[in-house]
Amino acid sequence: MKIGSVDAWLAIGASGLAVVAGLAALVRWMRRIARGFGDFMDDWRGEAARPGVPGRPGVMERLALISHRVAAIEHELHPNSGESVRDALDRVDRRTRRAIPTPDEE
């Protein structure tokens, strides 16, 4: 195959086209990965409110909120100041035991 022949030019063109197609596929794949990473970072950091769109808290803000809620629930589950659900349940239990004795107490 001579360098100036049509077959040589077709082979060079096909090779160039394959390289361009491969690069285009690589760029497309990289853009998809970058877009996914960008979405992840937006979720991680959160987004400020914009006109017509409410803001979204980031991961650390959400974790702080969850931690606060768990602490409030734990406060209600242990006897403490007399105001927790556990304290109220203990009071009801004591009153019920006084009002309705068990068979072994009679």
Protein backbone atom coordinates (compact mmCIF):
# COMPACT_ATOMS: atom_id res chain seq x y z
CA MET A 1 0.00 0.00 0.00
CA LYS A 2 1.53 3.27 -1.13
CA ILE A 3 1.28 6.35 1.04
CA GLY A 4 -0.50 8.32 -1.67
CA SER A 5 -3.03 5.59 -2.52
CA VAL A 6 -6.72 5.75 -1.74
CA ASP A 7 -6.49 2.68 0.51
CA ALA A 8 -3.84 4.39 2.64
CA TRP A 9 -5.95 7.53 2.99
CA LEU A 10 -9.01 5.45 3.94
CA ALA A 11 -6.99 3.56 6.56
CA ILE A 12 -5.62 6.81 8.00
CA GLY A 13 -9.11 8.36 8.01
CA ALA A 14 -10.64 5.30 9.67
CA SER A 15 -7.89 5.27 12.30
CA GLY A 16 -8.37 8.97 12.98
CA LEU A 17 -12.13 8.52 13.21
CA ALA A 18 -11.66 5.65 15.68
CA VAL A 19 -9.36 7.80 17.81
CA VAL A 20 -11.83 10.71 17.78
CA ALA A 21 -14.73 8.38 18.65
CA GLY A 22 -12.71 6.86 21.50
CA LEU A 23 -11.82 10.30 22.84
CA ALA A 24 -15.45 11.41 22.59
CA ALA A 25 -16.57 8.34 24.55
CA LEU A 26 -13.89 9.01 27.18
CA VAL A 27 -14.93 12.66 27.51
CA ARG A 28 -18.60 11.65 27.80
CA TRP A 29 -17.76 9.11 30.52
CA MET A 30 -15.65 11.67 32.40
CA ARG A 31 -18.45 14.26 32.24
CA ARG A 32 -20.94 11.76 33.68
CA ILE A 33 -18.55 10.93 36.53
CA ALA A 34 -17.89 14.63 37.19
CA ARG A 35 -21.62 15.42 37.17
CA GLY A 36 -22.29 12.62 39.67
CA PHE A 37 -19.47 13.86 41.89
CA GLY A 38 -20.86 17.40 41.65
CA ASP A 39 -24.31 16.15 42.70
CA PHE A 40 -22.72 14.32 45.65
CA MET A 41 -20.86 17.45 46.75
CA ASP A 42 -24.05 19.55 46.46
CA ASP A 43 -25.82 17.05 48.72
CA TRP A 44 -22.87 17.02 51.14
CA ARG A 45 -22.61 20.81 51.45
CA GLY A 46 -26.29 21.61 51.04
CA GLU A 47 -27.68 24.42 48.96
CA ALA A 48 -28.75 27.92 49.93
CA ALA A 49 -32.31 29.03 49.24
CA ARG A 50 -32.94 30.69 45.89
CA PRO A 51 -36.00 32.61 44.73
CA GLY A 52 -38.79 30.05 44.50
CA VAL A 53 -36.61 27.16 45.71
CA PRO A 54 -36.16 26.31 49.39
CA GLY A 55 -32.66 25.67 50.69
CA ARG A 56 -31.43 22.17 51.51
CA PRO A 57 -29.27 21.46 54.54
CA GLY A 58 -25.99 19.63 54.05
CA VAL A 59 -25.03 16.31 55.56
CA MET A 60 -23.40 17.78 58.66
CA GLU A 61 -26.47 19.93 59.42
CA ARG A 62 -28.72 16.90 59.00
CA LEU A 63 -26.51 14.80 61.30
CA ALA A 64 -26.60 17.55 63.94
CA LEU A 65 -30.40 17.63 63.71
CA ILE A 66 -30.62 13.85 64.03
CA SER A 67 -28.26 13.93 67.02
CA HIS A 68 -30.43 16.57 68.70
CA ARG A 69 -33.58 14.54 68.09
CA VAL A 70 -32.00 11.35 69.46
CA ALA A 71 -30.90 13.23 72.59
CA ALA A 72 -34.47 14.48 73.09
CA ILE A 73 -35.81 10.93 72.74
CA GLU A 74 -33.23 9.57 75.19
CA HIS A 75 -34.25 12.27 77.66
CA GLU A 76 -37.82 10.95 77.53
CA LEU A 77 -36.78 7.31 78.04
CA HIS A 78 -34.94 7.68 81.36
CA PRO A 79 -36.24 8.81 84.75
CA ASN A 80 -34.94 12.32 85.35
CA SER A 81 -36.70 15.59 86.13
CA GLY A 82 -40.19 14.16 86.58
CA GLU A 83 -41.33 15.45 83.21
CA SER A 84 -40.19 12.60 80.97
CA VAL A 85 -42.48 9.95 79.54
CA ARG A 86 -40.66 7.37 81.67
CA ASP A 87 -41.44 9.35 84.84
CA ALA A 88 -45.11 9.61 83.85
CA LEU A 89 -45.25 5.87 83.18
CA ASP A 90 -43.66 5.12 86.55
CA ARG A 91 -46.26 7.34 88.28
CA VAL A 92 -49.11 5.56 86.51
CA ASP A 93 -47.61 2.19 87.43
CA ARG A 94 -47.37 3.14 91.13
CA ARG A 95 -50.96 4.40 91.18
CA THR A 96 -52.22 1.29 89.43
CA ARG A 97 -50.41 -1.00 91.89
CA ARG A 98 -52.02 0.86 94.81
CA ALA A 99 -55.49 0.78 93.24
CA ILE A 100 -55.38 -2.84 92.01
CA PRO A 101 -53.28 -5.12 94.21
CA THR A 102 -51.75 -8.22 92.66
CA PRO A 103 -53.03 -11.65 93.86
CA ASP A 104 -49.88 -12.37 95.89
CA GLU A 105 -50.27 -9.03 97.77
CA GLU A 106 -53.81 -9.80 98.99
